[in-house]
C-alpha atoms as a PDB file:
ATOM      1  CA  MET A   1       3.566 -22.398 -36.276  1.00  0.00           C
ATOM      2  CA  ASP A   2       3.150 -19.806 -39.104  1.00  0.00           C
ATOM      3  CA  LEU A   3       4.484 -16.544 -37.644  1.00  0.00           C
ATOM      4  CA  THR A   4       3.078 -14.345 -40.460  1.00  0.00           C
ATOM      5  CA  LEU A   5       1.271 -11.204 -39.245  1.00  0.00           C
ATOM      6  CA  PRO A   6      -1.306 -10.347 -38.257  1.00  0.00           C
ATOM      7  CA  LEU A   7      -1.542 -13.226 -35.760  1.00  0.00           C
ATOM      8  CA  ALA A   8      -3.871 -14.151 -33.066  1.00  0.00           C
ATOM      9  CA  ALA A   9      -2.784 -12.953 -29.563  1.00  0.00           C
ATOM     10  CA  GLU A  10      -3.785 -16.092 -27.880  1.00  0.00           C
ATOM     11  CA  LEU A  11      -0.947 -17.896 -29.611  1.00  0.00           C
ATOM     12  CA  LEU A  12       1.564 -15.570 -28.085  1.00  0.00           C
ATOM     13  CA  MET A  13       0.640 -15.169 -24.528  1.00  0.00           C
ATOM     14  CA  PRO A  14      -0.652 -17.357 -21.453  1.00  0.00           C
ATOM     15  CA  HIS A  15      -3.867 -15.292 -20.967  1.00  0.00           C
ATOM     16  CA  ARG A  16      -7.231 -16.949 -22.072  1.00  0.00           C
ATOM     17  CA  LEU A  17     -10.763 -15.588 -22.070  1.00  0.00           C
ATOM     18  CA  PRO A  18     -12.376 -13.896 -20.340  1.00  0.00           C
ATOM     19  CA  MET A  19      -9.115 -12.304 -18.929  1.00  0.00           C
ATOM     20  CA  ARG A  20      -7.581 -11.874 -22.347  1.00  0.00           C
ATOM     21  CA  MET A  21      -8.472  -8.491 -23.823  1.00  0.00           C
ATOM     22  CA  VAL A  22      -6.088  -8.147 -26.743  1.00  0.00           C
ATOM     23  CA  GLU A  23      -6.896  -9.957 -30.024  1.00  0.00           C
ATOM     24  CA  THR A  24      -4.228  -9.551 -32.713  1.00  0.00           C
ATOM     25  CA  LEU A  25      -0.666  -8.680 -33.201  1.00  0.00           C
ATOM     26  CA  VAL A  26      -0.503  -6.487 -36.297  1.00  0.00           C
ATOM     27  CA  ALA A  27       3.013  -5.029 -36.263  1.00  0.00           C
ATOM     28  CA  TYR A  28       6.334  -6.071 -34.858  1.00  0.00           C
ATOM     29  CA  ALA A  29       9.873  -4.486 -35.001  1.00  0.00           C
ATOM     30  CA  GLY A  30      12.263  -5.950 -32.555  1.00  0.00           C
ATOM     31  CA  GLN A  31      11.394  -4.578 -29.099  1.00  0.00           C
ATOM     32  CA  GLU A  32       8.196  -2.973 -30.116  1.00  0.00           C
ATOM     33  CA  GLY A  33       4.922  -3.685 -31.710  1.00  0.00           C
ATOM     34  CA  VAL A  34       1.191  -2.954 -32.198  1.00  0.00           C
ATOM     35  CA  VAL A  35      -1.803  -5.001 -30.924  1.00  0.00           C
ATOM     36  CA  GLU A  36      -5.429  -4.626 -31.548  1.00  0.00           C
ATOM     37  CA  ALA A  37      -8.374  -5.186 -29.159  1.00  0.00           C
ATOM     38  CA  ARG A  38     -12.087  -4.635 -29.160  1.00  0.00           C
ATOM     39  CA  MET A  39     -13.594  -3.979 -25.580  1.00  0.00           C
ATOM     40  CA  SER A  40     -16.214  -6.364 -24.849  1.00  0.00           C
ATOM     41  CA  ALA A  41     -19.379  -5.620 -22.878  1.00  0.00           C
ATOM     42  CA  ASP A  42     -19.240  -9.021 -21.311  1.00  0.00           C
ATOM     43  CA  GLY A  43     -17.634  -9.483 -18.017  1.00  0.00           C
ATOM     44  CA  LEU A  44     -17.010  -7.406 -15.006  1.00  0.00           C
ATOM     45  CA  LEU A  45     -14.816  -4.579 -16.675  1.00  0.00           C
ATOM     46  CA  ALA A  46     -17.648  -2.468 -18.200  1.00  0.00           C
ATOM     47  CA  ALA A  47     -19.992  -0.299 -16.155  1.00  0.00           C
ATOM     48  CA  GLY A  48     -23.776  -0.140 -16.784  1.00  0.00           C
ATOM     49  CA  ASP A  49     -23.211   2.653 -19.284  1.00  0.00           C
ATOM     50  CA  GLY A  50     -20.544   0.709 -21.219  1.00  0.00           C
ATOM     51  CA  ARG A  51     -17.612   2.746 -19.946  1.00  0.00           C
ATOM     52  CA  MET A  52     -14.570   0.664 -19.164  1.00  0.00           C
ATOM     53  CA  ASP A  53     -12.724   1.055 -15.938  1.00  0.00           C
ATOM     54  CA  GLU A  54      -9.514   3.037 -16.420  1.00  0.00           C
ATOM     55  CA  VAL A  55      -7.532   0.082 -14.945  1.00  0.00           C
ATOM     56  CA  VAL A  56      -8.389  -1.809 -18.164  1.00  0.00           C
ATOM     57  CA  LEU A  57      -6.140   0.627 -20.111  1.00  0.00           C
ATOM     58  CA  ALA A  58      -3.103  -0.353 -17.905  1.00  0.00           C
ATOM     59  CA  GLU A  59      -3.803  -3.920 -18.355  1.00  0.00           C
ATOM     60  CA  LEU A  60      -4.095  -3.497 -22.091  1.00  0.00           C
ATOM     61  CA  LEU A  61      -0.637  -2.204 -22.160  1.00  0.00           C
ATOM     62  CA  ALA A  62       0.708  -5.130 -20.113  1.00  0.00           C
ATOM     63  CA  GLN A  63      -1.124  -7.666 -22.374  1.00  0.00           C
ATOM     64  CA  ALA A  64       0.140  -6.005 -25.476  1.00  0.00           C
ATOM     65  CA  TYR A  65       3.742  -6.173 -24.203  1.00  0.00           C
ATOM     66  CA  ALA A  66       3.108  -9.942 -23.381  1.00  0.00           C
ATOM     67  CA  VAL A  67       2.028 -10.435 -26.958  1.00  0.00           C
ATOM     68  CA  VAL A  68       4.985  -8.590 -28.374  1.00  0.00           C
ATOM     69  CA  LYS A  69       7.409 -10.423 -26.099  1.00  0.00           C
ATOM     70  CA  GLY A  70       5.762 -13.829 -26.979  1.00  0.00           C
ATOM     71  CA  TYR A  71       6.279 -13.129 -30.566  1.00  0.00           C
ATOM     72  CA  GLY A  72       9.878 -12.368 -30.116  1.00  0.00           C
ATOM     73  CA  ASP A  73      10.237 -15.647 -28.169  1.00  0.00           C
ATOM     74  CA  CYS A  74       8.618 -17.546 -30.935  1.00  0.00           C
ATOM     75  CA  LEU A  75      10.844 -15.957 -33.638  1.00  0.00           C
ATOM     76  CA  ALA A  76      13.831 -16.983 -31.559  1.00  0.00           C
ATOM     77  CA  GLY A  77      12.564 -20.679 -31.349  1.00  0.00           C
ATOM     78  CA  ASN A  78      11.726 -20.398 -27.726  1.00  0.00           C
ATOM     79  CA  PRO A  79       8.409 -21.007 -25.817  1.00  0.00           C
ATOM     80  CA  VAL A  80       6.291 -18.223 -24.823  1.00  0.00           C
ATOM     81  CA  ARG A  81       6.950 -17.304 -21.270  1.00  0.00           C
ATOM     82  CA  GLU A  82       4.771 -16.157 -18.512  1.00  0.00           C
ATOM     83  CA  GLY A  83       5.089 -12.539 -17.179  1.00  0.00           C
ATOM     84  CA  PHE A  84       3.930 -10.453 -14.380  1.00  0.00           C
ATOM     85  CA  LEU A  85       2.896  -6.901 -14.194  1.00  0.00           C
ATOM     86  CA  VAL A  86       4.732  -5.582 -10.917  1.00  0.00           C
ATOM     87  CA  GLY A  87       4.422  -1.813 -11.326  1.00  0.00           C
ATOM     88  CA  VAL A  88       2.788   1.127 -12.999  1.00  0.00           C
ATOM     89  CA  LYS A  89       5.375   3.851 -13.270  1.00  0.00           C
ATOM     90  CA  GLU A  90       2.886   6.248 -15.105  1.00  0.00           C
ATOM     91  CA  ALA A  91      -0.631   5.965 -16.336  1.00  0.00           C
ATOM     92  CA  VAL A  92      -2.499   8.860 -17.926  1.00  0.00           C
ATOM     93  CA  PHE A  93      -6.141   8.188 -18.842  1.00  0.00           C
ATOM     94  CA  GLU A  94      -7.019  10.938 -21.410  1.00  0.00           C
ATOM     95  CA  ARG A  95     -10.447   9.863 -22.663  1.00  0.00           C
ATOM     96  CA  PRO A  96     -13.036   7.296 -21.643  1.00  0.00           C
ATOM     97  CA  VAL A  97     -13.161   3.954 -23.472  1.00  0.00           C
ATOM     98  CA  PHE A  98     -16.475   2.105 -23.961  1.00  0.00           C
ATOM     99  CA  ALA A  99     -17.603  -1.282 -24.771  1.00  0.00           C
ATOM    100  CA  GLY A 100     -17.525  -1.907 -28.479  1.00  0.00           C
ATOM    101  CA  ASP A 101     -14.558   0.350 -29.061  1.00  0.00           C
ATOM    102  CA  ARG A 102     -11.729  -0.938 -31.361  1.00  0.00           C
ATOM    103  CA  LEU A 103      -8.360  -0.075 -30.002  1.00  0.00           C
ATOM    104  CA  ARG A 104      -4.712  -0.093 -31.039  1.00  0.00           C
ATOM    105  CA  ILE A 105      -2.061  -0.506 -28.439  1.00  0.00           C
ATOM    106  CA  ALA A 106       1.448   0.317 -29.343  1.00  0.00           C
ATOM    107  CA  VAL A 107       4.176  -0.722 -26.866  1.00  0.00           C
ATOM    108  CA  ARG A 108       7.943  -0.629 -26.820  1.00  0.00           C
ATOM    109  CA  THR A 109      10.613  -1.998 -24.492  1.00  0.00           C
ATOM    110  CA  VAL A 110      12.595   0.820 -22.884  1.00  0.00           C
ATOM    111  CA  ALA A 111      14.958  -1.344 -20.657  1.00  0.00           C
ATOM    112  CA  THR A 112      15.589  -4.868 -19.488  1.00  0.00           C
ATOM    113  CA  VAL A 113      17.568  -5.835 -16.358  1.00  0.00           C
ATOM    114  CA  ASP A 114      17.780  -9.291 -14.764  1.00  0.00           C
ATOM    115  CA  GLY A 115      14.219 -10.494 -15.943  1.00  0.00           C
ATOM    116  CA  PHE A 116      12.571  -7.240 -15.424  1.00  0.00           C
ATOM    117  CA  ALA A 117      11.495  -4.819 -18.214  1.00  0.00           C
ATOM    118  CA  VAL A 118      10.170  -1.431 -18.482  1.00  0.00           C
ATOM    119  CA  THR A 119       7.785  -0.730 -21.291  1.00  0.00           C
ATOM    120  CA  GLU A 120       6.014   2.381 -22.651  1.00  0.00           C
ATOM    121  CA  GLY A 121       2.968   2.453 -24.490  1.00  0.00           C
ATOM    122  CA  GLU A 122      -0.118   4.260 -25.863  1.00  0.00           C
ATOM    123  CA  VAL A 123      -3.678   3.241 -26.547  1.00  0.00           C
ATOM    124  CA  ARG A 124      -5.543   4.818 -29.496  1.00  0.00           C
ATOM    125  CA  ARG A 125      -9.147   4.681 -30.755  1.00  0.00           C
ATOM    126  CA  GLY A 126      -8.643   5.546 -34.326  1.00  0.00           C
ATOM    127  CA  ASP A 127      -6.547   8.740 -34.498  1.00  0.00           C
ATOM    128  CA  GLU A 128      -7.354   9.665 -30.847  1.00  0.00           C
ATOM    129  CA  GLN A 129      -4.977   8.716 -28.032  1.00  0.00           C
ATOM    130  CA  VAL A 130      -6.956   7.627 -25.091  1.00  0.00           C
ATOM    131  CA  ALA A 131      -4.313   6.610 -22.709  1.00  0.00           C
ATOM    132  CA  HIS A 132      -0.487   6.205 -22.346  1.00  0.00           C
ATOM    133  CA  GLY A 133       1.786   4.937 -19.652  1.00  0.00           C
ATOM    134  CA  SER A 134       4.901   3.005 -18.485  1.00  0.00           C
ATOM    135  CA  LEU A 135       4.897  -0.327 -16.761  1.00  0.00           C
ATOM    136  CA  LYS A 136       7.425  -2.581 -15.030  1.00  0.00           C
ATOM    137  CA  LEU A 137       7.149  -6.317 -15.684  1.00  0.00           C
ATOM    138  CA  TRP A 138       8.901  -9.444 -14.470  1.00  0.00           C
ATOM    139  CA  ILE A 139       9.447 -12.292 -16.967  1.00  0.00           C
ATOM    140  CA  PRO A 140      11.033 -15.155 -15.125  1.00  0.00           C
ATOM    141  CA  GLU A 141      13.611 -17.209 -17.084  1.00  0.00           C
ATOM    142  CA  GLY A 142      12.742 -20.800 -18.202  1.00  0.00           C
ATOM    143  CA  ASP A 143       8.840 -20.471 -17.707  1.00  0.00           C
ATOM    144  CA  ALA A 144       6.722 -21.781 -20.337  1.00  0.00           C
END
């Protein structure tokens, strides 16, 4: 697989539509990266006025981390592993997000211990930060 960025997120994570919300890995630097997403009006995550549920923003952080981690796995010659969101340490929703919005999600690994990871990230719409938070994830060893 050609690992030149930008790279489609679906190549780097187990999520598939309609649950995959992130689209493209655009930047990577070791334990951090930037992923892009466009919020879809399709599905159950948008209200009638197009406003996205706030929980979507936490899921975007988790999916962005999955893509960054998957890219690191690929660079190391390993298969992409499955991971699980096991906790939200902090989630601050600063502005509403709407269907059609183009978002950039930046995440970085803060700590890893025994298959668990803590990541921090922010979600931006253009120059405007719309959310930030910190998540706990579990990435089992040996899963493909």
